[in-house]
Amino acid sequence: MNLPEALALVGEAAANVSHREPQPLTPETELEELGLDSVQLLEMIAVAEQRLGQRLPDELFGRVRTVGDLCEALMACARGTRAGTR
């Protein structure tokens, strides 16, 4: 999975949870800018995990602030590595 694919996955998951049209996302987009409450944010991550077919480590959730952070975590998960480690 590359960054454009991860951005598309996050955008699709956000649109699915919010029931709104997908909005353009960049890695710098703050998750709070998506207009989701905390439950919807968790649902969005669950949708992304389901589409990816893997579960993100729970300890990541305290560190994820931007769409880019989430994309990095999804890409690391897809590679089978831990986010934040290279």
PDB file of N, CA and C in Angstrom:
ATOM      1  N   MET A   1       0.858  -1.172   0.000  1.00  0.00           N
ATOM      2  CA  MET A   1       0.000   0.000   0.000  1.00  0.00           C
ATOM      3  C   MET A   1       0.906   1.237   0.000  1.00  0.00           C
ATOM      4  N   ASN A   2       0.553   2.197  -0.844  1.00  0.00           N
ATOM      5  CA  ASN A   2       1.306   3.446  -0.890  1.00  0.00           C
ATOM      6  C   ASN A   2       0.442   4.579  -0.325  1.00  0.00           C
ATOM      7  N   LEU A   3       1.016   5.774  -0.268  1.00  0.00           N
ATOM      8  CA  LEU A   3       0.307   6.907   0.335  1.00  0.00           C
ATOM      9  C   LEU A   3      -1.003   7.247  -0.383  1.00  0.00           C
ATOM     10  N   PRO A   4      -1.023   7.340  -1.728  1.00  0.00           N
ATOM     11  CA  PRO A   4      -2.307   7.636  -2.372  1.00  0.00           C
ATOM     12  C   PRO A   4      -3.381   6.590  -2.065  1.00  0.00           C
ATOM     13  N   GLU A   5      -2.994   5.330  -2.005  1.00  0.00           N
ATOM     14  CA  GLU A   5      -3.954   4.271  -1.667  1.00  0.00           C
ATOM     15  C   GLU A   5      -4.448   4.419  -0.233  1.00  0.00           C
ATOM     16  N   ALA A   6      -3.534   4.742   0.679  1.00  0.00           N
ATOM     17  CA  ALA A   6      -3.912   4.923   2.085  1.00  0.00           C
ATOM     18  C   ALA A   6      -4.825   6.134   2.243  1.00  0.00           C
ATOM     19  N   LEU A   7      -4.518   7.229   1.548  1.00  0.00           N
ATOM     20  CA  LEU A   7      -5.379   8.416   1.593  1.00  0.00           C
ATOM     21  C   LEU A   7      -6.775   8.089   1.070  1.00  0.00           C
ATOM     22  N   ALA A   8      -6.834   7.334  -0.013  1.00  0.00           N
ATOM     23  CA  ALA A   8      -8.135   6.944  -0.573  1.00  0.00           C
ATOM     24  C   ALA A   8      -8.906   6.070   0.411  1.00  0.00           C
ATOM     25  N   LEU A   9      -8.216   5.157   1.080  1.00  0.00           N
ATOM     26  CA  LEU A   9      -8.858   4.288   2.055  1.00  0.00           C
ATOM     27  C   LEU A   9      -9.412   5.088   3.224  1.00  0.00           C
ATOM     28  N   VAL A  10      -8.630   6.027   3.746  1.00  0.00           N
ATOM     29  CA  VAL A  10      -9.088   6.860   4.855  1.00  0.00           C
ATOM     30  C   VAL A  10     -10.270   7.733   4.408  1.00  0.00           C
ATOM     31  N   GLY A  11     -10.179   8.311   3.218  1.00  0.00           N
ATOM     32  CA  GLY A  11     -11.272   9.133   2.710  1.00  0.00           C
ATOM     33  C   GLY A  11     -12.552   8.344   2.530  1.00  0.00           C
ATOM     34  N   GLU A  12     -12.425   7.141   1.998  1.00  0.00           N
ATOM     35  CA  GLU A  12     -13.590   6.273   1.805  1.00  0.00           C
ATOM     36  C   GLU A  12     -14.194   5.879   3.156  1.00  0.00           C
ATOM     37  N   ALA A  13     -13.344   5.548   4.120  1.00  0.00           N
ATOM     38  CA  ALA A  13     -13.832   5.165   5.449  1.00  0.00           C
ATOM     39  C   ALA A  13     -14.527   6.341   6.135  1.00  0.00           C
ATOM     40  N   ALA A  14     -13.949   7.539   6.020  1.00  0.00           N
ATOM     41  CA  ALA A  14     -14.567   8.724   6.625  1.00  0.00           C
ATOM     42  C   ALA A  14     -15.919   9.019   6.000  1.00  0.00           C
ATOM     43  N   ALA A  15     -16.015   8.909   4.678  1.00  0.00           N
ATOM     44  CA  ALA A  15     -17.277   9.152   3.986  1.00  0.00           C
ATOM     45  C   ALA A  15     -18.319   8.107   4.376  1.00  0.00           C
ATOM     46  N   ASN A  16     -17.883   6.871   4.529  1.00  0.00           N
ATOM     47  CA  ASN A  16     -18.787   5.795   4.920  1.00  0.00           C
ATOM     48  C   ASN A  16     -19.400   6.052   6.284  1.00  0.00           C
ATOM     49  N   VAL A  17     -18.577   6.493   7.226  1.00  0.00           N
ATOM     50  CA  VAL A  17     -19.038   6.723   8.600  1.00  0.00           C
ATOM     51  C   VAL A  17     -19.865   8.001   8.708  1.00  0.00           C
ATOM     52  N   SER A  18     -19.452   9.041   7.992  1.00  0.00           N
ATOM     53  CA  SER A  18     -20.134  10.334   8.112  1.00  0.00           C
ATOM     54  C   SER A  18     -21.364  10.438   7.215  1.00  0.00           C
ATOM     55  N   HIS A  19     -21.486   9.510   6.255  1.00  0.00           N
ATOM     56  CA  HIS A  19     -22.585   9.532   5.280  1.00  0.00           C
ATOM     57  C   HIS A  19     -22.578  10.820   4.458  1.00  0.00           C
ATOM     58  N   ARG A  20     -21.371  11.344   4.215  1.00  0.00           N
ATOM     59  CA  ARG A  20     -21.189  12.536   3.384  1.00  0.00           C
ATOM     60  C   ARG A  20     -20.280  12.182   2.219  1.00  0.00           C
ATOM     61  N   GLU A  21     -20.251  13.044   1.244  1.00  0.00           N
ATOM     62  CA  GLU A  21     -19.354  12.863   0.114  1.00  0.00           C
ATOM     63  C   GLU A  21     -17.906  12.895   0.599  1.00  0.00           C
ATOM     64  N   PRO A  22     -17.032  12.081   0.001  1.00  0.00           N
ATOM     65  CA  PRO A  22     -15.620  12.139   0.385  1.00  0.00           C
ATOM     66  C   PRO A  22     -15.055  13.532   0.146  1.00  0.00           C
ATOM     67  N   GLN A  23     -14.209  13.977   1.050  1.00  0.00           N
ATOM     68  CA  GLN A  23     -13.568  15.268   0.885  1.00  0.00           C
ATOM     69  C   GLN A  23     -12.088  15.055   0.592  1.00  0.00           C
ATOM     70  N   PRO A  24     -11.471  16.013  -0.086  1.00  0.00           N
ATOM     71  CA  PRO A  24     -10.046  15.855  -0.377  1.00  0.00           C
ATOM     72  C   PRO A  24      -9.242  15.848   0.924  1.00  0.00           C
ATOM     73  N   LEU A  25      -8.374  14.881   1.042  1.00  0.00           N
ATOM     74  CA  LEU A  25      -7.535  14.761   2.234  1.00  0.00           C
ATOM     75  C   LEU A  25      -6.075  14.871   1.846  1.00  0.00           C
ATOM     76  N   THR A  26      -5.309  15.442   2.745  1.00  0.00           N
ATOM     77  CA  THR A  26      -3.858  15.468   2.603  1.00  0.00           C
ATOM     78  C   THR A  26      -3.278  14.863   3.870  1.00  0.00           C
ATOM     79  N   PRO A  27      -2.020  14.480   3.852  1.00  0.00           N
ATOM     80  CA  PRO A  27      -1.418  13.953   5.070  1.00  0.00           C
ATOM     81  C   PRO A  27      -1.450  14.954   6.229  1.00  0.00           C
ATOM     82  N   GLU A  28      -1.513  16.241   5.923  1.00  0.00           N
ATOM     83  CA  GLU A  28      -1.514  17.270   6.966  1.00  0.00           C
ATOM     84  C   GLU A  28      -2.893  17.520   7.562  1.00  0.00           C
ATOM     85  N   THR A  29      -3.950  16.965   6.962  1.00  0.00           N
ATOM     86  CA  THR A  29      -5.298  17.169   7.471  1.00  0.00           C
ATOM     87  C   THR A  29      -5.411  16.605   8.888  1.00  0.00           C
ATOM     88  N   GLU A  30      -5.821  17.457   9.813  1.00  0.00           N
ATOM     89  CA  GLU A  30      -6.031  17.010  11.193  1.00  0.00           C
ATOM     90  C   GLU A  30      -7.294  16.153  11.229  1.00  0.00           C
ATOM     91  N   LEU A  31      -7.250  15.063  11.986  1.00  0.00           N
ATOM     92  CA  LEU A  31      -8.419  14.187  12.066  1.00  0.00           C
ATOM     93  C   LEU A  31      -9.651  14.934  12.569  1.00  0.00           C
ATOM     94  N   GLU A  32      -9.451  15.901  13.460  1.00  0.00           N
ATOM     95  CA  GLU A  32     -10.606  16.650  13.973  1.00  0.00           C
ATOM     96  C   GLU A  32     -11.279  17.482  12.881  1.00  0.00           C
ATOM     97  N   GLU A  33     -10.548  17.802  11.806  1.00  0.00           N
ATOM     98  CA  GLU A  33     -11.125  18.555  10.696  1.00  0.00           C
ATOM     99  C   GLU A  33     -12.148  17.732   9.908  1.00  0.00           C
ATOM    100  N   LEU A  34     -12.169  16.421  10.115  1.00  0.00           N
ATOM    101  CA  LEU A  34     -13.104  15.569   9.395  1.00  0.00           C
ATOM    102  C   LEU A  34     -14.527  15.721   9.919  1.00  0.00           C
ATOM    103  N   GLY A  35     -14.679  16.370  11.084  1.00  0.00           N
ATOM    104  CA  GLY A  35     -16.004  16.611  11.638  1.00  0.00           C
ATOM    105  C   GLY A  35     -16.649  15.374  12.241  1.00  0.00           C
ATOM    106  N   LEU A  36     -15.831  14.412  12.642  1.00  0.00           N
ATOM    107  CA  LEU A  36     -16.338  13.189  13.251  1.00  0.00           C
ATOM    108  C   LEU A  36     -16.209  13.266  14.763  1.00  0.00           C
ATOM    109  N   ASP A  37     -17.200  12.728  15.460  1.00  0.00           N
ATOM    110  CA  ASP A  37     -17.039  12.647  16.915  1.00  0.00           C
ATOM    111  C   ASP A  37     -16.136  11.455  17.224  1.00  0.00           C
ATOM    112  N   SER A  38     -15.822  11.251  18.494  1.00  0.00           N
ATOM    113  CA  SER A  38     -14.853  10.215  18.867  1.00  0.00           C
ATOM    114  C   SER A  38     -15.328   8.810  18.489  1.00  0.00           C
ATOM    115  N   VAL A  39     -16.612   8.553  18.603  1.00  0.00           N
ATOM    116  CA  VAL A  39     -17.142   7.237  18.231  1.00  0.00           C
ATOM    117  C   VAL A  39     -17.042   7.040  16.719  1.00  0.00           C
ATOM    118  N   GLN A  40     -17.398   8.074  15.961  1.00  0.00           N
ATOM    119  CA  GLN A  40     -17.300   7.982  14.505  1.00  0.00           C
ATOM    120  C   GLN A  40     -15.849   7.803  14.060  1.00  0.00           C
ATOM    121  N   LEU A  41     -14.926   8.454  14.750  1.00  0.00           N
ATOM    122  CA  LEU A  41     -13.516   8.300  14.414  1.00  0.00           C
ATOM    123  C   LEU A  41     -13.078   6.848  14.601  1.00  0.00           C
ATOM    124  N   LEU A  42     -13.490   6.240  15.708  1.00  0.00           N
ATOM    125  CA  LEU A  42     -13.172   4.827  15.931  1.00  0.00           C
ATOM    126  C   LEU A  42     -13.836   3.944  14.877  1.00  0.00           C
ATOM    127  N   GLU A  43     -15.065   4.277  14.499  1.00  0.00           N
ATOM    128  CA  GLU A  43     -15.753   3.528  13.437  1.00  0.00           C
ATOM    129  C   GLU A  43     -15.013   3.670  12.117  1.00  0.00           C
ATOM    130  N   MET A  44     -14.517   4.878  11.828  1.00  0.00           N
ATOM    131  CA  MET A  44     -13.773   5.103  10.596  1.00  0.00           C
ATOM    132  C   MET A  44     -12.523   4.236  10.568  1.00  0.00           C
ATOM    133  N   ILE A  45     -11.817   4.177  11.687  1.00  0.00           N
ATOM    134  CA  ILE A  45     -10.611   3.354  11.752  1.00  0.00           C
ATOM    135  C   ILE A  45     -10.978   1.878  11.599  1.00  0.00           C
ATOM    136  N   ALA A  46     -12.090   1.462  12.206  1.00  0.00           N
ATOM    137  CA  ALA A  46     -12.538   0.065  12.080  1.00  0.00           C
ATOM    138  C   ALA A  46     -12.869  -0.274  10.627  1.00  0.00           C
ATOM    139  N   VAL A  47     -13.510   0.655   9.912  1.00  0.00           N
ATOM    140  CA  VAL A  47     -13.817   0.434   8.494  1.00  0.00           C
ATOM    141  C   VAL A  47     -12.518   0.292   7.709  1.00  0.00           C
ATOM    142  N   ALA A  48     -11.550   1.162   7.967  1.00  0.00           N
ATOM    143  CA  ALA A  48     -10.259   1.085   7.268  1.00  0.00           C
ATOM    144  C   ALA A  48      -9.555  -0.234   7.585  1.00  0.00           C
ATOM    145  N   GLU A  49      -9.585  -0.650   8.846  1.00  0.00           N
ATOM    146  CA  GLU A  49      -8.971  -1.924   9.231  1.00  0.00           C
ATOM    147  C   GLU A  49      -9.645  -3.089   8.508  1.00  0.00           C
ATOM    148  N   GLN A  50     -10.977  -3.047   8.437  1.00  0.00           N
ATOM    149  CA  GLN A  50     -11.720  -4.117   7.784  1.00  0.00           C
ATOM    150  C   GLN A  50     -11.353  -4.200   6.309  1.00  0.00           C
ATOM    151  N   ARG A  51     -11.285  -3.057   5.643  1.00  0.00           N
ATOM    152  CA  ARG A  51     -10.944  -3.048   4.216  1.00  0.00           C
ATOM    153  C   ARG A  51      -9.503  -3.505   4.000  1.00  0.00           C
ATOM    154  N   LEU A  52      -8.630  -3.174   4.949  1.00  0.00           N
ATOM    155  CA  LEU A  52      -7.233  -3.583   4.872  1.00  0.00           C
ATOM    156  C   LEU A  52      -7.082  -5.059   5.213  1.00  0.00           C
ATOM    157  N   GLY A  53      -7.995  -5.566   6.038  1.00  0.00           N
ATOM    158  CA  GLY A  53      -7.918  -6.963   6.452  1.00  0.00           C
ATOM    159  C   GLY A  53      -6.957  -7.192   7.599  1.00  0.00           C
ATOM    160  N   GLN A  54      -6.623  -6.119   8.305  1.00  0.00           N
ATOM    161  CA  GLN A  54      -5.700  -6.200   9.440  1.00  0.00           C
ATOM    162  C   GLN A  54      -6.130  -5.206  10.504  1.00  0.00           C
ATOM    163  N   ARG A  55      -5.683  -5.477  11.718  1.00  0.00           N
ATOM    164  CA  ARG A  55      -6.026  -4.600  12.836  1.00  0.00           C
ATOM    165  C   ARG A  55      -4.807  -3.792  13.251  1.00  0.00           C
ATOM    166  N   LEU A  56      -5.027  -2.491  13.485  1.00  0.00           N
ATOM    167  CA  LEU A  56      -3.954  -1.618  13.951  1.00  0.00           C
ATOM    168  C   LEU A  56      -3.747  -1.824  15.448  1.00  0.00           C
ATOM    169  N   PRO A  57      -2.511  -1.724  15.919  1.00  0.00           N
ATOM    170  CA  PRO A  57      -2.262  -1.837  17.365  1.00  0.00           C
ATOM    171  C   PRO A  57      -2.971  -0.716  18.129  1.00  0.00           C
ATOM    172  N   ASP A  58      -3.598  -1.066  19.237  1.00  0.00           N
ATOM    173  CA  ASP A  58      -4.360  -0.094  20.028  1.00  0.00           C
ATOM    174  C   ASP A  58      -3.514   1.082  20.509  1.00  0.00           C
ATOM    175  N   GLU A  59      -2.233   0.854  20.786  1.00  0.00           N
ATOM    176  CA  GLU A  59      -1.405   1.946  21.315  1.00  0.00           C
ATOM    177  C   GLU A  59      -1.188   3.066  20.308  1.00  0.00           C
ATOM    178  N   LEU A  60      -1.484   2.827  19.045  1.00  0.00           N
ATOM    179  CA  LEU A  60      -1.340   3.877  18.029  1.00  0.00           C
ATOM    180  C   LEU A  60      -2.369   4.982  18.184  1.00  0.00           C
ATOM    181  N   PHE A  61      -3.539   4.647  18.702  1.00  0.00           N
ATOM    182  CA  PHE A  61      -4.634   5.599  18.701  1.00  0.00           C
ATOM    183  C   PHE A  61      -4.336   6.859  19.503  1.00  0.00           C
ATOM    184  N   GLY A  62      -3.515   6.788  20.506  1.00  0.00           N
ATOM    185  CA  GLY A  62      -3.160   7.970  21.273  1.00  0.00           C
ATOM    186  C   GLY A  62      -2.201   8.892  20.543  1.00  0.00           C
ATOM    187  N   ARG A  63      -1.523   8.363  19.514  1.00  0.00           N
ATOM    188  CA  ARG A  63      -0.518   9.143  18.793  1.00  0.00           C
ATOM    189  C   ARG A  63      -1.006   9.658  17.445  1.00  0.00           C
ATOM    190  N   VAL A  64      -2.103   9.149  16.951  1.00  0.00           N
ATOM    191  CA  VAL A  64      -2.594   9.524  15.623  1.00  0.00           C
ATOM    192  C   VAL A  64      -3.363  10.836  15.717  1.00  0.00           C
ATOM    193  N   ARG A  65      -2.850  11.878  15.078  1.00  0.00           N
ATOM    194  CA  ARG A  65      -3.486  13.198  15.097  1.00  0.00           C
ATOM    195  C   ARG A  65      -3.890  13.684  13.710  1.00  0.00           C
ATOM    196  N   THR A  66      -3.178  13.215  12.702  1.00  0.00           N
ATOM    197  CA  THR A  66      -3.440  13.670  11.337  1.00  0.00           C
ATOM    198  C   THR A  66      -3.785  12.487  10.441  1.00  0.00           C
ATOM    199  N   VAL A  67      -4.317  12.806   9.276  1.00  0.00           N
ATOM    200  CA  VAL A  67      -4.587  11.772   8.277  1.00  0.00           C
ATOM    201  C   VAL A  67      -3.275  11.082   7.903  1.00  0.00           C
ATOM    202  N   GLY A  68      -2.192  11.843   7.828  1.00  0.00           N
ATOM    203  CA  GLY A  68      -0.890  11.261   7.511  1.00  0.00           C
ATOM    204  C   GLY A  68      -0.438  10.256   8.556  1.00  0.00           C
ATOM    205  N   ASP A  69      -0.682  10.561   9.838  1.00  0.00           N
ATOM    206  CA  ASP A  69      -0.350   9.610  10.905  1.00  0.00           C
ATOM    207  C   ASP A  69      -1.109   8.305  10.700  1.00  0.00           C
ATOM    208  N   LEU A  70      -2.395   8.418  10.400  1.00  0.00           N
ATOM    209  CA  LEU A  70      -3.218   7.233  10.193  1.00  0.00           C
ATOM    210  C   LEU A  70      -2.769   6.476   8.949  1.00  0.00           C
ATOM    211  N   CYS A  71      -2.464   7.201   7.886  1.00  0.00           N
ATOM    212  CA  CYS A  71      -1.977   6.559   6.662  1.00  0.00           C
ATOM    213  C   CYS A  71      -0.670   5.815   6.917  1.00  0.00           C
ATOM    214  N   GLU A  72       0.224   6.424   7.667  1.00  0.00           N
ATOM    215  CA  GLU A  72       1.489   5.777   7.997  1.00  0.00           C
ATOM    216  C   GLU A  72       1.232   4.472   8.747  1.00  0.00           C
ATOM    217  N   ALA A  73       0.305   4.512   9.698  1.00  0.00           N
ATOM    218  CA  ALA A  73      -0.025   3.318  10.468  1.00  0.00           C
ATOM    219  C   ALA A  73      -0.628   2.235   9.567  1.00  0.00           C
ATOM    220  N   LEU A  74      -1.521   2.633   8.663  1.00  0.00           N
ATOM    221  CA  LEU A  74      -2.126   1.666   7.744  1.00  0.00           C
ATOM    222  C   LEU A  74      -1.090   1.064   6.805  1.00  0.00           C
ATOM    223  N   MET A  75      -0.182   1.898   6.292  1.00  0.00           N
ATOM    224  CA  MET A  75       0.855   1.399   5.386  1.00  0.00           C
ATOM    225  C   MET A  75       1.800   0.454   6.118  1.00  0.00           C
ATOM    226  N   ALA A  76       2.155   0.783   7.354  1.00  0.00           N
ATOM    227  CA  ALA A  76       3.023  -0.090   8.144  1.00  0.00           C
ATOM    228  C   ALA A  76       2.333  -1.417   8.422  1.00  0.00           C
ATOM    229  N   CYS A  77       1.067  -1.353   8.729  1.00  0.00           N
ATOM    230  CA  CYS A  77       0.279  -2.560   8.995  1.00  0.00           C
ATOM    231  C   CYS A  77       0.238  -3.433   7.736  1.00  0.00           C
ATOM    232  N   ALA A  78       0.038  -2.818   6.596  1.00  0.00           N
ATOM    233  CA  ALA A  78      -0.018  -3.554   5.337  1.00  0.00           C
ATOM    234  C   ALA A  78       1.323  -4.205   5.015  1.00  0.00           C
ATOM    235  N   ARG A  79       2.421  -3.543   5.422  1.00  0.00           N
ATOM    236  CA  ARG A  79       3.767  -4.107   5.214  1.00  0.00           C
ATOM    237  C   ARG A  79       4.104  -5.147   6.251  1.00  0.00           C
ATOM    238  N   GLY A  80       3.321  -5.200   7.323  1.00  0.00           N
ATOM    239  CA  GLY A  80       3.608  -6.129   8.398  1.00  0.00           C
ATOM    240  C   GLY A  80       4.639  -5.613   9.380  1.00  0.00           C
ATOM    241  N   THR A  81       4.818  -4.274   9.422  1.00  0.00           N
ATOM    242  CA  THR A  81       5.735  -3.661  10.367  1.00  0.00           C
ATOM    243  C   THR A  81       4.956  -2.775  11.326  1.00  0.00           C
ATOM    244  N   ARG A  82       5.615  -2.305  12.342  1.00  0.00           N
ATOM    245  CA  ARG A  82       4.968  -1.422  13.309  1.00  0.00           C
ATOM    246  C   ARG A  82       5.145   0.018  12.854  1.00  0.00           C
ATOM    247  N   ALA A  83       4.082   0.803  12.925  1.00  0.00           N
ATOM    248  CA  ALA A  83       4.148   2.220  12.550  1.00  0.00           C
ATOM    249  C   ALA A  83       5.116   2.932  13.451  1.00  0.00           C
ATOM    250  N   GLY A  84       5.836   3.864  12.876  1.00  0.00           N
ATOM    251  CA  GLY A  84       6.786   4.643  13.664  1.00  0.00           C
ATOM    252  C   GLY A  84       8.145   3.985  13.743  1.00  0.00           C
ATOM    253  N   THR A  85       8.293   2.779  13.178  1.00  0.00           N
ATOM    254  CA  THR A  85       9.581   2.119  13.137  1.00  0.00           C
ATOM    255  C   THR A  85       9.950   1.932  11.673  1.00  0.00           C
ATOM    256  N   ARG A  86      11.184   2.030  11.387  1.00  0.00           N
ATOM    257  CA  ARG A  86      11.610   1.906   9.996  1.00  0.00           C
ATOM    258  C   ARG A  86      12.557   0.761   9.841  1.00  0.00           C
TER     259      ARG A  86
END
